[in-house]
Amino acid sequence: MVDGVYDSDPKKNPGAVKYESLSYMDVLNQNLGVMDMTAASFCKDRDIPFLVFSIEDPQNIVRAVTGENVGTLVQ
C-alpha cells in the first residue's frame, strides 16, 4: 500500500521517512512490518535480497527490473 519501507506508517504520520535501503537485521530488529518475519529471516539466511515497492503504478515493475531507484532494497 506504500512505495517502500518507512520508519513509521506514512498514512498516519506525514513526517514518516522512507528508507532507500536496509539490512535484513534492520527489518528484523526494528520489526518494521515490511513482511512476515519468518519470510524476512528466510531471505536473510539464504542471502536473497528483496525490493519493497508499490504496484499501484504498473510501471514500477519495469522500473524495478531495469534498475531504476524505486522502493526500498533490503539486503
N, C-alpha and C. Protein backbone atom coordinates (compact mmCIF):
# COMPACT_ATOMS: atom_id res chain seq x y z
N MET A 1 0.80 -1.21 0.00
CA MET A 1 0.00 0.00 0.00
C MET A 1 0.84 1.27 0.00
N VAL A 2 2.17 1.13 0.22
CA VAL A 2 3.07 2.27 0.17
C VAL A 2 4.20 1.97 -0.80
N ASP A 3 5.00 2.97 -1.09
CA ASP A 3 6.03 2.83 -2.14
C ASP A 3 7.40 2.41 -1.62
N GLY A 4 7.47 1.88 -0.41
CA GLY A 4 8.72 1.43 0.16
C GLY A 4 8.57 1.22 1.65
N VAL A 5 9.68 1.10 2.34
CA VAL A 5 9.68 0.91 3.79
C VAL A 5 9.94 2.26 4.46
N TYR A 6 9.12 2.56 5.45
CA TYR A 6 9.22 3.82 6.19
C TYR A 6 9.51 3.55 7.65
N ASP A 7 9.99 4.58 8.35
CA ASP A 7 10.26 4.44 9.78
C ASP A 7 8.99 4.41 10.61
N SER A 8 7.87 4.83 10.03
CA SER A 8 6.56 4.74 10.67
C SER A 8 5.52 4.76 9.55
N ASP A 9 4.28 4.55 9.89
CA ASP A 9 3.21 4.47 8.89
C ASP A 9 2.99 5.84 8.24
N PRO A 10 3.31 5.99 6.94
CA PRO A 10 3.15 7.29 6.29
C PRO A 10 1.70 7.73 6.14
N LYS A 11 0.77 6.80 6.28
CA LYS A 11 -0.64 7.19 6.21
C LYS A 11 -1.10 7.83 7.51
N LYS A 12 -0.40 7.50 8.59
CA LYS A 12 -0.73 8.07 9.90
C LYS A 12 0.22 9.19 10.28
N ASN A 13 1.44 9.14 9.75
CA ASN A 13 2.47 10.12 10.11
C ASN A 13 3.00 10.78 8.84
N PRO A 14 2.55 12.00 8.54
CA PRO A 14 3.02 12.67 7.32
C PRO A 14 4.52 12.96 7.32
N GLY A 15 5.16 12.88 8.47
CA GLY A 15 6.60 13.11 8.57
C GLY A 15 7.42 11.82 8.48
N ALA A 16 6.78 10.72 8.14
CA ALA A 16 7.48 9.43 8.06
C ALA A 16 8.60 9.52 7.03
N VAL A 17 9.71 8.87 7.33
CA VAL A 17 10.89 8.89 6.45
C VAL A 17 11.01 7.55 5.73
N LYS A 18 11.18 7.62 4.42
CA LYS A 18 11.33 6.41 3.61
C LYS A 18 12.79 6.00 3.56
N TYR A 19 13.04 4.71 3.74
CA TYR A 19 14.39 4.15 3.62
C TYR A 19 14.66 3.78 2.17
N GLU A 20 15.84 4.11 1.67
CA GLU A 20 16.22 3.68 0.32
C GLU A 20 16.76 2.26 0.35
N SER A 21 17.46 1.92 1.45
CA SER A 21 17.95 0.56 1.61
C SER A 21 18.02 0.22 3.09
N LEU A 22 17.96 -1.05 3.38
CA LEU A 22 18.01 -1.56 4.75
C LEU A 22 18.74 -2.90 4.75
N SER A 23 19.25 -3.27 5.89
CA SER A 23 19.79 -4.61 6.04
C SER A 23 18.67 -5.53 6.52
N TYR A 24 18.88 -6.83 6.36
CA TYR A 24 17.91 -7.79 6.89
C TYR A 24 17.73 -7.57 8.38
N MET A 25 18.85 -7.33 9.08
CA MET A 25 18.79 -7.17 10.53
C MET A 25 18.01 -5.92 10.93
N ASP A 26 18.09 -4.86 10.12
CA ASP A 26 17.27 -3.67 10.40
C ASP A 26 15.79 -4.04 10.38
N VAL A 27 15.39 -4.77 9.37
CA VAL A 27 13.99 -5.17 9.22
C VAL A 27 13.57 -6.04 10.41
N LEU A 28 14.42 -7.01 10.77
CA LEU A 28 14.07 -7.93 11.85
C LEU A 28 14.13 -7.26 13.22
N ASN A 29 15.18 -6.51 13.50
CA ASN A 29 15.34 -5.90 14.83
C ASN A 29 14.35 -4.78 15.09
N GLN A 30 14.01 -4.01 14.05
CA GLN A 30 13.10 -2.89 14.23
C GLN A 30 11.64 -3.29 14.01
N ASN A 31 11.44 -4.57 13.65
CA ASN A 31 10.08 -5.09 13.42
C ASN A 31 9.27 -4.12 12.55
N LEU A 32 9.82 -3.80 11.39
CA LEU A 32 9.27 -2.75 10.53
C LEU A 32 7.96 -3.12 9.84
N GLY A 33 7.55 -4.38 9.91
CA GLY A 33 6.26 -4.76 9.33
C GLY A 33 6.27 -4.79 7.81
N VAL A 34 7.45 -4.92 7.23
CA VAL A 34 7.58 -4.98 5.78
C VAL A 34 6.93 -6.23 5.25
N MET A 35 7.19 -7.31 5.94
CA MET A 35 6.69 -8.62 5.53
C MET A 35 6.70 -9.51 6.76
N ASP A 36 6.22 -10.70 6.60
CA ASP A 36 6.24 -11.69 7.66
C ASP A 36 7.68 -11.89 8.13
N MET A 37 7.90 -11.90 9.43
CA MET A 37 9.25 -12.01 9.97
C MET A 37 9.91 -13.34 9.59
N THR A 38 9.13 -14.40 9.46
CA THR A 38 9.68 -15.68 9.04
C THR A 38 10.21 -15.58 7.62
N ALA A 39 9.47 -14.91 6.75
CA ALA A 39 9.91 -14.73 5.36
C ALA A 39 11.17 -13.86 5.32
N ALA A 40 11.22 -12.83 6.13
CA ALA A 40 12.42 -11.97 6.17
C ALA A 40 13.63 -12.76 6.66
N SER A 41 13.43 -13.60 7.66
CA SER A 41 14.53 -14.45 8.15
C SER A 41 14.98 -15.44 7.09
N PHE A 42 14.02 -16.00 6.36
CA PHE A 42 14.33 -16.93 5.27
C PHE A 42 15.22 -16.24 4.24
N CYS A 43 14.85 -15.03 3.84
CA CYS A 43 15.65 -14.28 2.86
C CYS A 43 17.04 -13.98 3.42
N LYS A 44 17.11 -13.60 4.69
CA LYS A 44 18.41 -13.32 5.32
C LYS A 44 19.29 -14.56 5.31
N ASP A 45 18.74 -15.68 5.77
CA ASP A 45 19.53 -16.91 5.87
C ASP A 45 20.05 -17.40 4.52
N ARG A 46 19.33 -17.08 3.46
CA ARG A 46 19.71 -17.53 2.12
C ARG A 46 20.31 -16.41 1.26
N ASP A 47 20.52 -15.25 1.90
CA ASP A 47 21.10 -14.09 1.22
C ASP A 47 20.31 -13.73 -0.06
N ILE A 48 18.98 -13.65 0.09
CA ILE A 48 18.10 -13.29 -1.01
C ILE A 48 17.64 -11.85 -0.80
N PRO A 49 18.16 -10.90 -1.58
CA PRO A 49 17.69 -9.52 -1.43
C PRO A 49 16.26 -9.40 -1.94
N PHE A 50 15.54 -8.43 -1.39
CA PHE A 50 14.19 -8.17 -1.90
C PHE A 50 13.93 -6.68 -1.96
N LEU A 51 13.04 -6.32 -2.86
CA LEU A 51 12.71 -4.93 -3.11
C LEU A 51 11.25 -4.70 -2.73
N VAL A 52 11.01 -3.72 -1.90
CA VAL A 52 9.65 -3.37 -1.49
C VAL A 52 9.26 -2.12 -2.26
N PHE A 53 8.20 -2.25 -3.09
CA PHE A 53 7.73 -1.10 -3.87
C PHE A 53 6.24 -1.23 -4.13
N SER A 54 5.64 -0.14 -4.54
CA SER A 54 4.21 -0.12 -4.81
C SER A 54 3.92 -0.68 -6.20
N ILE A 55 2.89 -1.51 -6.28
CA ILE A 55 2.46 -1.99 -7.60
C ILE A 55 1.22 -1.24 -8.08
N GLU A 56 0.84 -0.19 -7.35
CA GLU A 56 -0.28 0.63 -7.81
C GLU A 56 0.02 1.26 -9.16
N ASP A 57 1.29 1.60 -9.38
CA ASP A 57 1.73 2.09 -10.69
C ASP A 57 2.39 0.92 -11.40
N PRO A 58 1.75 0.33 -12.40
CA PRO A 58 2.31 -0.84 -13.08
C PRO A 58 3.70 -0.61 -13.66
N GLN A 59 4.06 0.63 -13.95
CA GLN A 59 5.38 0.93 -14.49
C GLN A 59 6.49 0.69 -13.46
N ASN A 60 6.13 0.61 -12.18
CA ASN A 60 7.14 0.36 -11.15
C ASN A 60 7.80 -1.01 -11.34
N ILE A 61 7.08 -1.96 -11.88
CA ILE A 61 7.68 -3.27 -12.14
C ILE A 61 8.78 -3.13 -13.19
N VAL A 62 8.51 -2.39 -14.24
CA VAL A 62 9.51 -2.14 -15.29
C VAL A 62 10.68 -1.35 -14.70
N ARG A 63 10.37 -0.35 -13.90
CA ARG A 63 11.43 0.45 -13.27
C ARG A 63 12.33 -0.43 -12.40
N ALA A 64 11.72 -1.29 -11.62
CA ALA A 64 12.49 -2.16 -10.73
C ALA A 64 13.38 -3.11 -11.52
N VAL A 65 12.83 -3.72 -12.56
CA VAL A 65 13.59 -4.68 -13.36
C VAL A 65 14.74 -4.02 -14.11
N THR A 66 14.54 -2.77 -14.52
CA THR A 66 15.59 -2.08 -15.27
C THR A 66 16.60 -1.36 -14.37
N GLY A 67 16.42 -1.52 -13.05
CA GLY A 67 17.41 -0.98 -12.12
C GLY A 67 17.18 0.44 -11.66
N GLU A 68 16.04 1.02 -12.01
CA GLU A 68 15.75 2.37 -11.51
C GLU A 68 15.58 2.34 -9.99
N ASN A 69 15.82 3.47 -9.37
CA ASN A 69 15.67 3.59 -7.93
C ASN A 69 14.19 3.68 -7.59
N VAL A 70 13.62 2.57 -7.19
CA VAL A 70 12.20 2.53 -6.81
C VAL A 70 12.08 1.69 -5.54
N GLY A 71 11.34 2.17 -4.59
CA GLY A 71 11.10 1.41 -3.37
C GLY A 71 12.29 1.37 -2.44
N THR A 72 12.33 0.30 -1.63
CA THR A 72 13.38 0.08 -0.64
C THR A 72 14.01 -1.28 -0.87
N LEU A 73 15.33 -1.31 -1.01
CA LEU A 73 16.06 -2.55 -1.19
C LEU A 73 16.49 -3.08 0.18
N VAL A 74 16.16 -4.34 0.44
CA VAL A 74 16.58 -5.00 1.67
C VAL A 74 17.57 -6.07 1.28
N GLN A 75 18.77 -5.99 1.86
CA GLN A 75 19.83 -6.97 1.53
C GLN A 75 20.76 -7.20 2.70
